[in-house]
PDB file of all heavy atoms in Angstrom:
ATOM      1  N   PRO A   1     -18.520  10.892  97.058  1.00  0.00           N
ATOM      2  CA  PRO A   1     -17.898  10.322  98.160  1.00  0.00           C
ATOM      3  C   PRO A   1     -18.344  10.799  99.588  1.00  0.00           C
ATOM      4  O   PRO A   1     -18.273  10.093 100.443  1.00  0.00           O
ATOM      5  CB  PRO A   1     -16.445  10.733  97.991  1.00  0.00           C
ATOM      6  CG  PRO A   1     -16.478  11.946  97.139  1.00  0.00           C
ATOM      7  CD  PRO A   1     -17.601  11.711  96.280  1.00  0.00           C
ATOM      8  N   GLU A   2     -18.776  12.103  99.483  1.00  0.00           N
ATOM      9  CA  GLU A   2     -19.279  12.629 100.845  1.00  0.00           C
ATOM     10  C   GLU A   2     -20.578  11.858 101.327  1.00  0.00           C
ATOM     11  O   GLU A   2     -20.739  11.681 102.567  1.00  0.00           O
ATOM     12  CB  GLU A   2     -19.669  14.163 100.675  1.00  0.00           C
ATOM     13  CG  GLU A   2     -18.458  15.095 100.530  1.00  0.00           C
ATOM     14  CD  GLU A   2     -17.802  14.992  99.214  1.00  0.00           C
ATOM     15  OE1 GLU A   2     -18.518  14.512  98.222  1.00  0.00           O
ATOM     16  OE2 GLU A   2     -16.739  15.446  98.924  1.00  0.00           O
ATOM     17  N   VAL A   3     -21.595  11.539 100.469  1.00  0.00           N
ATOM     18  CA  VAL A   3     -22.708  10.819 100.709  1.00  0.00           C
ATOM     19  C   VAL A   3     -22.306   9.408 101.208  1.00  0.00           C
ATOM     20  O   VAL A   3     -22.912   8.886 102.253  1.00  0.00           O
ATOM     21  CB  VAL A   3     -23.642  10.629  99.560  1.00  0.00           C
ATOM     22  CG1 VAL A   3     -24.873   9.736  99.900  1.00  0.00           C
ATOM     23  CG2 VAL A   3     -24.162  12.096  99.244  1.00  0.00           C
ATOM     24  N   LEU A   4     -21.354   8.755 100.653  1.00  0.00           N
ATOM     25  CA  LEU A   4     -20.957   7.549 101.027  1.00  0.00           C
ATOM     26  C   LEU A   4     -20.218   7.353 102.355  1.00  0.00           C
ATOM     27  O   LEU A   4     -20.054   6.272 102.837  1.00  0.00           O
ATOM     28  CB  LEU A   4     -20.178   6.782  99.888  1.00  0.00           C
ATOM     29  CG  LEU A   4     -20.860   6.592  98.514  1.00  0.00           C
ATOM     30  CD1 LEU A   4     -19.847   5.938  97.394  1.00  0.00           C
ATOM     31  CD2 LEU A   4     -22.085   5.586  98.770  1.00  0.00           C
ATOM     32  N   LYS A   5     -19.841   8.530 102.892  1.00  0.00           N
ATOM     33  CA  LYS A   5     -19.165   8.529 104.123  1.00  0.00           C
ATOM     34  C   LYS A   5     -20.209   8.276 105.255  1.00  0.00           C
ATOM     35  O   LYS A   5     -19.774   8.043 106.431  1.00  0.00           O
ATOM     36  CB  LYS A   5     -18.428   9.851 104.277  1.00  0.00           C
ATOM     37  CG  LYS A   5     -17.288  10.025 103.360  1.00  0.00           C
ATOM     38  CD  LYS A   5     -16.615  11.401 103.691  1.00  0.00           C
ATOM     39  CE  LYS A   5     -15.312  11.565 102.866  1.00  0.00           C
ATOM     40  NZ  LYS A   5     -14.709  12.809 103.011  1.00  0.00           N
ATOM     41  N   SER A   6     -21.484   8.553 105.025  1.00  0.00           N
ATOM     42  CA  SER A   6     -22.508   8.375 106.062  1.00  0.00           C
ATOM     43  C   SER A   6     -22.822   6.957 106.238  1.00  0.00           C
ATOM     44  O   SER A   6     -23.353   6.329 105.162  1.00  0.00           O
ATOM     45  CB  SER A   6     -23.691   9.191 105.736  1.00  0.00           C
ATOM     46  OG  SER A   6     -24.767   8.934 106.711  1.00  0.00           O
ATOM     47  N   GLN A   7     -22.841   6.315 107.338  1.00  0.00           N
ATOM     48  CA  GLN A   7     -23.129   4.920 107.421  1.00  0.00           C
ATOM     49  C   GLN A   7     -24.746   4.646 107.385  1.00  0.00           C
ATOM     50  O   GLN A   7     -25.180   3.611 106.909  1.00  0.00           O
ATOM     51  CB  GLN A   7     -22.694   4.331 108.869  1.00  0.00           C
ATOM     52  CG  GLN A   7     -22.889   2.846 109.166  1.00  0.00           C
ATOM     53  CD  GLN A   7     -22.161   2.039 108.097  1.00  0.00           C
ATOM     54  OE1 GLN A   7     -20.919   2.328 107.836  1.00  0.00           O
ATOM     55  NE2 GLN A   7     -22.761   0.961 107.671  1.00  0.00           N
ATOM     56  N   LEU A   8     -25.418   5.575 107.783  1.00  0.00           N
ATOM     57  CA  LEU A   8     -26.825   5.617 107.785  1.00  0.00           C
ATOM     58  C   LEU A   8     -27.422   5.534 106.208  1.00  0.00           C
ATOM     59  O   LEU A   8     -28.226   4.644 105.772  1.00  0.00           O
ATOM     60  CB  LEU A   8     -27.458   6.740 108.384  1.00  0.00           C
ATOM     61  CG  LEU A   8     -29.015   6.751 108.450  1.00  0.00           C
ATOM     62  CD1 LEU A   8     -29.720   5.498 108.952  1.00  0.00           C
ATOM     63  CD2 LEU A   8     -29.639   8.079 109.145  1.00  0.00           C
ATOM     64  N   ILE A   9     -26.654   6.368 105.456  1.00  0.00           N
ATOM     65  CA  ILE A   9     -27.031   6.398 104.042  1.00  0.00           C
ATOM     66  C   ILE A   9     -26.704   5.079 103.306  1.00  0.00           C
ATOM     67  O   ILE A   9     -27.382   4.377 102.515  1.00  0.00           O
ATOM     68  CB  ILE A   9     -26.315   7.486 103.350  1.00  0.00           C
ATOM     69  CG1 ILE A   9     -26.862   8.768 103.867  1.00  0.00           C
ATOM     70  CG2 ILE A   9     -26.537   7.357 101.786  1.00  0.00           C
ATOM     71  CD1 ILE A   9     -26.256  10.066 103.199  1.00  0.00           C
ATOM     72  N   ILE A  10     -25.559   4.429 103.713  1.00  0.00           N
ATOM     73  CA  ILE A  10     -25.110   3.229 103.281  1.00  0.00           C
ATOM     74  C   ILE A  10     -26.015   2.116 103.615  1.00  0.00           C
ATOM     75  O   ILE A  10     -26.530   1.204 102.799  1.00  0.00           O
ATOM     76  CB  ILE A  10     -23.711   2.803 103.812  1.00  0.00           C
ATOM     77  CG1 ILE A  10     -22.735   3.827 103.192  1.00  0.00           C
ATOM     78  CG2 ILE A  10     -23.373   1.369 103.460  1.00  0.00           C
ATOM     79  CD1 ILE A  10     -21.296   3.601 103.850  1.00  0.00           C
ATOM     80  N   ASN A  11     -26.672   2.080 104.832  1.00  0.00           N
ATOM     81  CA  ASN A  11     -27.797   1.111 105.211  1.00  0.00           C
ATOM     82  C   ASN A  11     -29.027   1.308 104.412  1.00  0.00           C
ATOM     83  O   ASN A  11     -29.581   0.341 104.061  1.00  0.00           O
ATOM     84  CB  ASN A  11     -28.063   1.176 106.622  1.00  0.00           C
ATOM     85  CG  ASN A  11     -26.830   0.911 107.682  1.00  0.00           C
ATOM     86  OD1 ASN A  11     -25.931   0.136 107.109  1.00  0.00           O
ATOM     87  ND2 ASN A  11     -26.722   1.375 108.743  1.00  0.00           N
ATOM     88  N   LEU A  12     -29.357   2.584 104.317  1.00  0.00           N
ATOM     89  CA  LEU A  12     -30.584   2.807 103.446  1.00  0.00           C
ATOM     90  C   LEU A  12     -30.455   2.452 101.938  1.00  0.00           C
ATOM     91  O   LEU A  12     -31.314   1.953 101.398  1.00  0.00           O
ATOM     92  CB  LEU A  12     -30.827   4.365 103.512  1.00  0.00           C
ATOM     93  CG  LEU A  12     -31.310   4.944 104.933  1.00  0.00           C
ATOM     94  CD1 LEU A  12     -31.418   6.434 104.858  1.00  0.00           C
ATOM     95  CD2 LEU A  12     -32.783   4.280 105.253  1.00  0.00           C
ATOM     96  N   ILE A  13     -29.234   2.633 101.467  1.00  0.00           N
ATOM     97  CA  ILE A  13     -28.922   2.144 100.129  1.00  0.00           C
ATOM     98  C   ILE A  13     -29.082   0.641 100.052  1.00  0.00           C
ATOM     99  O   ILE A  13     -29.688   0.048  99.088  1.00  0.00           O
ATOM    100  CB  ILE A  13     -27.627   2.633  99.606  1.00  0.00           C
ATOM    101  CG1 ILE A  13     -27.685   4.216  99.453  1.00  0.00           C
ATOM    102  CG2 ILE A  13     -27.264   1.986  98.314  1.00  0.00           C
ATOM    103  CD1 ILE A  13     -26.268   4.701  99.190  1.00  0.00           C
ATOM    104  N   GLU A  14     -28.569  -0.136 101.035  1.00  0.00           N
ATOM    105  CA  GLU A  14     -28.730  -1.558 101.100  1.00  0.00           C
ATOM    106  C   GLU A  14     -30.140  -1.897 101.208  1.00  0.00           C
ATOM    107  O   GLU A  14     -30.620  -2.981 100.471  1.00  0.00           O
ATOM    108  CB  GLU A  14     -27.922  -2.147 102.158  1.00  0.00           C
ATOM    109  CG  GLU A  14     -26.321  -1.897 101.998  1.00  0.00           C
ATOM    110  CD  GLU A  14     -25.607  -2.458 103.207  1.00  0.00           C
ATOM    111  OE1 GLU A  14     -26.230  -2.884 104.194  1.00  0.00           O
ATOM    112  OE2 GLU A  14     -24.291  -2.387 103.097  1.00  0.00           O
ATOM    113  N   GLN A  15     -30.877  -1.173 102.014  1.00  0.00           N
ATOM    114  CA  GLN A  15     -32.263  -1.528 102.144  1.00  0.00           C
ATOM    115  C   GLN A  15     -33.067  -1.289 100.831  1.00  0.00           C
ATOM    116  O   GLN A  15     -33.990  -2.089 100.533  1.00  0.00           O
ATOM    117  CB  GLN A  15     -32.951  -0.717 103.245  1.00  0.00           C
ATOM    118  CG  GLN A  15     -34.387  -0.943 103.573  1.00  0.00           C
ATOM    119  CD  GLN A  15     -34.973  -0.150 104.776  1.00  0.00           C
ATOM    120  OE1 GLN A  15     -34.164   0.693 105.344  1.00  0.00           O
ATOM    121  NE2 GLN A  15     -36.275  -0.231 104.946  1.00  0.00           N
ATOM    122  N   ARG A  16     -32.750  -0.214 100.165  1.00  0.00           N
ATOM    123  CA  ARG A  16     -33.276   0.033  98.983  1.00  0.00           C
ATOM    124  C   ARG A  16     -32.986  -1.050  97.876  1.00  0.00           C
ATOM    125  O   ARG A  16     -33.804  -1.433  97.174  1.00  0.00           O
ATOM    126  CB  ARG A  16     -32.794   1.375  98.392  1.00  0.00           C
ATOM    127  CG  ARG A  16     -33.580   1.766  97.026  1.00  0.00           C
ATOM    128  CD  ARG A  16     -32.826   3.086  96.484  1.00  0.00           C
ATOM    129  NE  ARG A  16     -31.376   2.792  96.094  1.00  0.00           N
ATOM    130  CZ  ARG A  16     -30.543   3.565  95.688  1.00  0.00           C
ATOM    131  NH1 ARG A  16     -30.985   4.876  95.535  1.00  0.00           N
ATOM    132  NH2 ARG A  16     -29.258   3.188  95.456  1.00  0.00           N
ATOM    133  N   VAL A  17     -31.965  -1.494  97.904  1.00  0.00           N
ATOM    134  CA  VAL A  17     -31.534  -2.646  97.002  1.00  0.00           C
ATOM    135  C   VAL A  17     -32.359  -3.845  97.286  1.00  0.00           C
ATOM    136  O   VAL A  17     -32.912  -4.534  96.402  1.00  0.00           O
ATOM    137  CB  VAL A  17     -30.020  -2.898  97.012  1.00  0.00           C
ATOM    138  CG1 VAL A  17     -29.636  -4.164  96.236  1.00  0.00           C
ATOM    139  CG2 VAL A  17     -29.253  -1.673  96.526  1.00  0.00           C
ATOM    140  N   THR A  18     -32.453  -4.168  98.657  1.00  0.00           N
ATOM    141  CA  THR A  18     -33.267  -5.246  98.948  1.00  0.00           C
ATOM    142  C   THR A  18     -34.692  -5.127  98.478  1.00  0.00           C
ATOM    143  O   THR A  18     -35.416  -6.161  97.909  1.00  0.00           O
ATOM    144  CB  THR A  18     -33.312  -5.490 100.434  1.00  0.00           C
ATOM    145  OG1 THR A  18     -31.802  -5.581 100.891  1.00  0.00           O
ATOM    146  CG2 THR A  18     -34.039  -6.742 100.924  1.00  0.00           C
ATOM    147  N   VAL A  19     -35.314  -4.070  98.725  1.00  0.00           N
ATOM    148  CA  VAL A  19     -36.730  -3.665  98.370  1.00  0.00           C
ATOM    149  C   VAL A  19     -36.793  -3.870  96.816  1.00  0.00           C
ATOM    150  O   VAL A  19     -37.905  -4.411  96.259  1.00  0.00           O
ATOM    151  CB  VAL A  19     -37.238  -2.420  98.812  1.00  0.00           C
ATOM    152  CG1 VAL A  19     -38.627  -2.112  98.329  1.00  0.00           C
ATOM    153  CG2 VAL A  19     -37.333  -2.422 100.419  1.00  0.00           C
ATOM    154  N   GLN A  20     -35.893  -3.303  96.195  1.00  0.00           N
ATOM    155  CA  GLN A  20     -36.014  -3.384  94.610  1.00  0.00           C
ATOM    156  C   GLN A  20     -35.890  -4.815  94.190  1.00  0.00           C
ATOM    157  O   GLN A  20     -36.511  -5.210  93.180  1.00  0.00           O
ATOM    158  CB  GLN A  20     -34.833  -2.445  94.082  1.00  0.00           C
ATOM    159  CG  GLN A  20     -35.009  -1.031  94.210  1.00  0.00           C
ATOM    160  CD  GLN A  20     -33.982  -0.193  93.572  1.00  0.00           C
ATOM    161  OE1 GLN A  20     -32.910  -0.753  93.391  1.00  0.00           O
ATOM    162  NE2 GLN A  20     -34.184   1.080  93.346  1.00  0.00           N
ATOM    163  N   ARG A  21     -35.145  -5.654  94.778  1.00  0.00           N
ATOM    164  CA  ARG A  21     -34.897  -7.008  94.318  1.00  0.00           C
ATOM    165  C   ARG A  21     -36.160  -7.806  94.503  1.00  0.00           C
ATOM    166  O   ARG A  21     -36.736  -8.537  93.691  1.00  0.00           O
ATOM    167  CB  ARG A  21     -33.820  -7.654  95.128  1.00  0.00           C
ATOM    168  CG  ARG A  21     -33.535  -9.172  94.619  1.00  0.00           C
ATOM    169  CD  ARG A  21     -32.426  -9.803  95.439  1.00  0.00           C
ATOM    170  NE  ARG A  21     -31.245  -8.987  95.393  1.00  0.00           N
ATOM    171  CZ  ARG A  21     -30.640  -8.439  96.477  1.00  0.00           C
ATOM    172  NH1 ARG A  21     -31.271  -8.455  97.563  1.00  0.00           N
ATOM    173  NH2 ARG A  21     -29.540  -7.829  96.310  1.00  0.00           N
ATOM    174  N   ALA A  22     -36.751  -7.551  95.692  1.00  0.00           N
ATOM    175  CA  ALA A  22     -38.026  -8.179  96.091  1.00  0.00           C
ATOM    176  C   ALA A  22     -39.292  -7.829  95.136  1.00  0.00           C
ATOM    177  O   ALA A  22     -40.031  -8.544  94.660  1.00  0.00           O
ATOM    178  CB  ALA A  22     -38.589  -7.957  97.542  1.00  0.00           C
ATOM    179  N   LEU A  23     -39.158  -6.393  94.871  1.00  0.00           N
ATOM    180  CA  LEU A  23     -40.197  -5.959  93.998  1.00  0.00           C
ATOM    181  C   LEU A  23     -40.038  -6.648  92.557  1.00  0.00           C
ATOM    182  O   LEU A  23     -41.064  -6.873  91.937  1.00  0.00           O
ATOM    183  CB  LEU A  23     -40.131  -4.421  93.888  1.00  0.00           C
ATOM    184  CG  LEU A  23     -41.101  -3.622  92.971  1.00  0.00           C
ATOM    185  CD1 LEU A  23     -42.618  -3.903  93.498  1.00  0.00           C
ATOM    186  CD2 LEU A  23     -40.903  -2.243  92.967  1.00  0.00           C
ATOM    187  N   ALA A  24     -38.820  -6.740  92.025  1.00  0.00           N
ATOM    188  CA  ALA A  24     -38.659  -7.275  90.890  1.00  0.00           C
ATOM    189  C   ALA A  24     -39.024  -8.707  90.777  1.00  0.00           C
ATOM    190  O   ALA A  24     -39.621  -9.217  89.803  1.00  0.00           O
ATOM    191  CB  ALA A  24     -37.120  -7.104  90.468  1.00  0.00           C
ATOM    192  N   GLU A  25     -38.789  -9.486  91.893  1.00  0.00           N
ATOM    193  CA  GLU A  25     -39.146 -10.960  91.903  1.00  0.00           C
ATOM    194  C   GLU A  25     -40.660 -11.089  91.842  1.00  0.00           C
ATOM    195  O   GLU A  25     -41.275 -11.933  91.148  1.00  0.00           O
ATOM    196  CB  GLU A  25     -38.509 -11.560  93.105  1.00  0.00           C
ATOM    197  CG  GLU A  25     -37.078 -11.687  93.015  1.00  0.00           C
ATOM    198  CD  GLU A  25     -36.503 -12.263  94.287  1.00  0.00           C
ATOM    199  OE1 GLU A  25     -37.253 -12.390  95.270  1.00  0.00           O
ATOM    200  OE2 GLU A  25     -35.315 -12.515  94.330  1.00  0.00           O
ATOM    201  N   LEU A  26     -41.342 -10.261  92.705  1.00  0.00           N
ATOM    202  CA  LEU A  26     -42.791 -10.507  92.842  1.00  0.00           C
ATOM    203  C   LEU A  26     -43.518  -9.864  91.644  1.00  0.00           C
ATOM    204  O   LEU A  26     -44.632 -10.246  91.170  1.00  0.00           O
ATOM    205  CB  LEU A  26     -43.441  -9.730  94.019  1.00  0.00           C
ATOM    206  CG  LEU A  26     -42.869 -10.284  95.340  1.00  0.00           C
ATOM    207  CD1 LEU A  26     -43.368  -9.491  96.458  1.00  0.00           C
ATOM    208  CD2 LEU A  26     -43.528 -11.830  95.454  1.00  0.00           C
ATOM    209  N   SER A  27     -42.977  -8.946  90.921  1.00  0.00           N
ATOM    210  CA  SER A  27     -43.632  -8.297  89.700  1.00  0.00           C
ATOM    211  C   SER A  27     -43.654  -9.350  88.522  1.00  0.00           C
ATOM    212  O   SER A  27     -44.477  -9.295  87.668  1.00  0.00           O
ATOM    213  CB  SER A  27     -42.805  -7.073  89.209  1.00  0.00           C
ATOM    214  OG  SER A  27     -42.834  -6.064  90.289  1.00  0.00           O
ATOM    215  N   ALA A  28     -42.901 -10.348  88.616  1.00  0.00           N
ATOM    216  CA  ALA A  28     -42.937 -11.337  87.613  1.00  0.00           C
ATOM    217  C   ALA A  28     -44.111 -12.276  87.732  1.00  0.00           C
ATOM    218  O   ALA A  28     -44.545 -12.951  86.733  1.00  0.00           O
ATOM    219  CB  ALA A  28     -41.616 -12.183  87.623  1.00  0.00           C
ATOM    220  N   THR A  29     -44.665 -12.366  89.003  1.00  0.00           N
ATOM    221  CA  THR A  29     -45.785 -13.285  89.218  1.00  0.00           C
ATOM    222  C   THR A  29     -47.175 -12.592  89.582  1.00  0.00           C
ATOM    223  O   THR A  29     -48.214 -13.153  89.446  1.00  0.00           O
ATOM    224  CB  THR A  29     -45.459 -14.290  90.361  1.00  0.00           C
ATOM    225  OG1 THR A  29     -45.136 -13.534  91.499  1.00  0.00           O
ATOM    226  CG2 THR A  29     -44.282 -15.190  89.865  1.00  0.00           C
ATOM    227  N   LEU A  30     -46.825 -11.435  90.164  1.00  0.00           N
ATOM    228  CA  LEU A  30     -48.125 -10.631  90.581  1.00  0.00           C
ATOM    229  C   LEU A  30     -48.468  -9.458  89.717  1.00  0.00           C
ATOM    230  O   LEU A  30     -47.616  -8.918  89.136  1.00  0.00           O
ATOM    231  CB  LEU A  30     -47.952 -10.197  91.976  1.00  0.00           C
ATOM    232  CG  LEU A  30     -47.681 -11.376  93.082  1.00  0.00           C
ATOM    233  CD1 LEU A  30     -47.400 -10.706  94.475  1.00  0.00           C
ATOM    234  CD2 LEU A  30     -48.817 -12.307  93.180  1.00  0.00           C
ATOM    235  N   LEU A  31     -49.681  -9.054  89.815  1.00  0.00           N
ATOM    236  CA  LEU A  31     -50.175  -7.943  88.945  1.00  0.00           C
ATOM    237  C   LEU A  31     -49.712  -6.714  89.735  1.00  0.00           C
ATOM    238  O   LEU A  31     -49.476  -6.676  90.893  1.00  0.00           O
ATOM    239  CB  LEU A  31     -51.694  -8.009  88.758  1.00  0.00           C
ATOM    240  CG  LEU A  31     -52.134  -9.121  87.943  1.00  0.00           C
ATOM    241  CD1 LEU A  31     -53.715  -9.104  87.867  1.00  0.00           C
ATOM    242  CD2 LEU A  31     -51.701  -8.992  86.581  1.00  0.00           C
ATOM    243  N   PRO A  32     -49.599  -5.511  89.027  1.00  0.00           N
ATOM    244  CA  PRO A  32     -49.227  -4.221  89.677  1.00  0.00           C
ATOM    245  C   PRO A  32     -50.180  -3.825  90.753  1.00  0.00           C
ATOM    246  O   PRO A  32     -49.824  -3.045  91.705  1.00  0.00           O
ATOM    247  CB  PRO A  32     -49.006  -3.297  88.578  1.00  0.00           C
ATOM    248  CG  PRO A  32     -48.895  -4.142  87.310  1.00  0.00           C
ATOM    249  CD  PRO A  32     -49.579  -5.479  87.674  1.00  0.00           C
ATOM    250  N   SER A  33     -51.392  -4.242  90.735  1.00  0.00           N
ATOM    251  CA  SER A  33     -52.366  -3.842  91.676  1.00  0.00           C
ATOM    252  C   SER A  33     -52.530  -4.764  92.869  1.00  0.00           C
ATOM    253  O   SER A  33     -53.161  -4.365  93.834  1.00  0.00           O
ATOM    254  CB  SER A  33     -53.725  -3.786  91.024  1.00  0.00           C
ATOM    255  OG  SER A  33     -54.100  -5.053  90.647  1.00  0.00           O
ATOM    256  N   HIS A  34     -51.636  -5.673  92.900  1.00  0.00           N
ATOM    257  CA  HIS A  34     -51.546  -6.624  94.071  1.00  0.00           C
ATOM    258  C   HIS A  34     -51.106  -5.812  95.372  1.00  0.00           C
ATOM    259  O   HIS A  34     -50.283  -5.001  95.284  1.00  0.00           O
ATOM    260  CB  HIS A  34     -50.566  -7.802  93.868  1.00  0.00           C
ATOM    261  CG  HIS A  34     -50.775  -8.941  94.766  1.00  0.00           C
ATOM    262  ND1 HIS A  34     -50.116  -8.963  96.065  1.00  0.00           N
ATOM    263  CD2 HIS A  34     -51.538 -10.031  94.693  1.00  0.00           C
ATOM    264  CE1 HIS A  34     -50.397  -9.933  96.629  1.00  0.00           C
ATOM    265  NE2 HIS A  34     -51.367 -10.699  95.878  1.00  0.00           N
ATOM    266  N   PRO A  35     -51.728  -6.167  96.503  1.00  0.00           N
ATOM    267  CA  PRO A  35     -51.364  -5.390  97.731  1.00  0.00           C
ATOM    268  C   PRO A  35     -49.804  -5.563  98.026  1.00  0.00           C
ATOM    269  O   PRO A  35     -49.234  -4.547  98.538  1.00  0.00           O
ATOM    270  CB  PRO A  35     -52.124  -6.051  98.874  1.00  0.00           C
ATOM    271  CG  PRO A  35     -53.320  -6.595  98.037  1.00  0.00           C
ATOM    272  CD  PRO A  35     -52.869  -7.031  96.644  1.00  0.00           C
ATOM    273  N   ARG A  36     -49.315  -6.740  97.857  1.00  0.00           N
ATOM    274  CA  ARG A  36     -47.803  -6.836  98.155  1.00  0.00           C
ATOM    275  C   ARG A  36     -46.949  -6.048  97.256  1.00  0.00           C
ATOM    276  O   ARG A  36     -45.985  -5.275  97.729  1.00  0.00           O
ATOM    277  CB  ARG A  36     -47.412  -8.267  97.968  1.00  0.00           C
ATOM    278  CG  ARG A  36     -46.033  -8.583  98.315  1.00  0.00           C
ATOM    279  CD  ARG A  36     -45.668  -8.206  99.762  1.00  0.00           C
ATOM    280  NE  ARG A  36     -44.299  -8.626 100.031  1.00  0.00           N
ATOM    281  CZ  ARG A  36     -43.636  -8.164 101.125  1.00  0.00           C
ATOM    282  NH1 ARG A  36     -44.315  -7.364 102.002  1.00  0.00           N
ATOM    283  NH2 ARG A  36     -42.384  -8.539 101.351  1.00  0.00           N
ATOM    284  N   ILE A  37     -47.333  -5.863  96.068  1.00  0.00           N
ATOM    285  CA  ILE A  37     -46.622  -4.943  95.011  1.00  0.00           C
ATOM    286  C   ILE A  37     -46.751  -3.607  95.529  1.00  0.00           C
ATOM    287  O   ILE A  37     -45.731  -2.748  95.533  1.00  0.00           O
ATOM    288  CB  ILE A  37     -47.093  -5.145  93.637  1.00  0.00           C
ATOM    289  CG1 ILE A  37     -46.915  -6.648  93.159  1.00  0.00           C
ATOM    290  CG2 ILE A  37     -46.531  -4.017  92.729  1.00  0.00           C
ATOM    291  CD1 ILE A  37     -45.338  -6.981  93.127  1.00  0.00           C
ATOM    292  N   GLN A  38     -47.940  -3.114  95.977  1.00  0.00           N
ATOM    293  CA  GLN A  38     -48.208  -1.843  96.395  1.00  0.00           C
ATOM    294  C   GLN A  38     -47.474  -1.474  97.742  1.00  0.00           C
ATOM    295  O   GLN A  38     -46.886  -0.466  97.875  1.00  0.00           O
ATOM    296  CB  GLN A  38     -49.735  -1.460  96.674  1.00  0.00           C
ATOM    297  CG  GLN A  38     -50.510  -1.603  95.342  1.00  0.00           C
ATOM    298  CD  GLN A  38     -50.340  -0.541  94.521  1.00  0.00           C
ATOM    299  OE1 GLN A  38     -49.858   0.650  94.857  1.00  0.00           O
ATOM    300  NE2 GLN A  38     -50.502  -0.788  93.258  1.00  0.00           N
ATOM    301  N   GLN A  39     -47.281  -2.431  98.505  1.00  0.00           N
ATOM    302  CA  GLN A  39     -46.543  -2.273  99.782  1.00  0.00           C
ATOM    303  C   GLN A  39     -45.053  -2.096  99.524  1.00  0.00           C
ATOM    304  O   GLN A  39     -44.415  -1.289 100.059  1.00  0.00           O
ATOM    305  CB  GLN A  39     -46.729  -3.548 100.734  1.00  0.00           C
ATOM    306  CG  GLN A  39     -45.993  -3.444 102.002  1.00  0.00           C
ATOM    307  CD  GLN A  39     -46.158  -4.683 102.835  1.00  0.00           C
ATOM    308  OE1 GLN A  39     -46.720  -5.607 102.485  1.00  0.00           O
ATOM    309  NE2 GLN A  39     -45.551  -4.648 103.981  1.00  0.00           N
ATOM    310  N   LEU A  40     -44.531  -2.926  98.637  1.00  0.00           N
ATOM    311  CA  LEU A  40     -43.027  -2.817  98.241  1.00  0.00           C
ATOM    312  C   LEU A  40     -42.822  -1.420  97.680  1.00  0.00           C
ATOM    313  O   LEU A  40     -41.682  -0.861  97.799  1.00  0.00           O
ATOM    314  CB  LEU A  40     -42.600  -3.945  97.337  1.00  0.00           C
ATOM    315  CG  LEU A  40     -42.610  -5.311  98.110  1.00  0.00           C
ATOM    316  CD1 LEU A  40     -42.325  -6.451  96.996  1.00  0.00           C
ATOM    317  CD2 LEU A  40     -41.581  -5.449  99.202  1.00  0.00           C
ATOM    318  N   ARG A  41     -43.717  -0.972  96.808  1.00  0.00           N
ATOM    319  CA  ARG A  41     -43.405   0.256  96.028  1.00  0.00           C
ATOM    320  C   ARG A  41     -43.407   1.454  97.119  1.00  0.00           C
ATOM    321  O   ARG A  41     -42.721   2.396  97.088  1.00  0.00           O
ATOM    322  CB  ARG A  41     -44.498   0.555  95.094  1.00  0.00           C
ATOM    323  CG  ARG A  41     -44.224  -0.309  93.823  1.00  0.00           C
ATOM    324  CD  ARG A  41     -45.259  -0.031  92.756  1.00  0.00           C
ATOM    325  NE  ARG A  41     -44.995  -0.756  91.621  1.00  0.00           N
ATOM    326  CZ  ARG A  41     -45.784  -0.849  90.503  1.00  0.00           C
ATOM    327  NH1 ARG A  41     -46.972  -0.048  90.557  1.00  0.00           N
ATOM    328  NH2 ARG A  41     -45.456  -1.545  89.359  1.00  0.00           N
ATOM    329  N   SER A  42     -44.308   1.310  98.162  1.00  0.00           N
ATOM    330  CA  SER A  42     -44.355   2.412  99.292  1.00  0.00           C
ATOM    331  C   SER A  42     -43.118   2.266 100.034  1.00  0.00           C
ATOM    332  O   SER A  42     -42.541   3.330 100.319  1.00  0.00           O
ATOM    333  CB  SER A  42     -45.637   2.022 100.115  1.00  0.00           C
ATOM    334  OG  SER A  42     -45.640   2.986 101.197  1.00  0.00           O
ATOM    335  N   GLU A  43     -42.563   1.032 100.344  1.00  0.00           N
ATOM    336  CA  GLU A  43     -41.363   1.022 101.111  1.00  0.00           C
ATOM    337  C   GLU A  43     -40.100   1.607 100.292  1.00  0.00           C
ATOM    338  O   GLU A  43     -39.350   2.212 100.831  1.00  0.00           O
ATOM    339  CB  GLU A  43     -41.014  -0.449 101.400  1.00  0.00           C
ATOM    340  CG  GLU A  43     -42.101  -1.065 102.504  1.00  0.00           C
ATOM    341  CD  GLU A  43     -41.810  -2.411 102.769  1.00  0.00           C
ATOM    342  OE1 GLU A  43     -40.770  -2.914 102.204  1.00  0.00           O
ATOM    343  OE2 GLU A  43     -42.418  -3.168 103.590  1.00  0.00           O
ATOM    344  N   LEU A  44     -40.167   1.425  98.984  1.00  0.00           N
ATOM    345  CA  LEU A  44     -39.041   1.890  98.174  1.00  0.00           C
ATOM    346  C   LEU A  44     -39.109   3.431  98.116  1.00  0.00           C
ATOM    347  O   LEU A  44     -38.123   4.058  98.273  1.00  0.00           O
ATOM    348  CB  LEU A  44     -39.195   1.336  96.745  1.00  0.00           C
ATOM    349  CG  LEU A  44     -38.184   1.768  95.807  1.00  0.00           C
ATOM    350  CD1 LEU A  44     -36.691   1.308  96.211  1.00  0.00           C
ATOM    351  CD2 LEU A  44     -38.540   1.199  94.416  1.00  0.00           C
TER     352      LEU A  44
END
């Protein structure tokens, strides 16, 4: 609960979820060596 009290951490968690969703969608059509996949992993 102490971590969830920080609004910045909550925003980062939401951003992490967004990046993970995009990474999962593109991983279905692109290879792991694709630049976009590499970029999403770096952001995550």
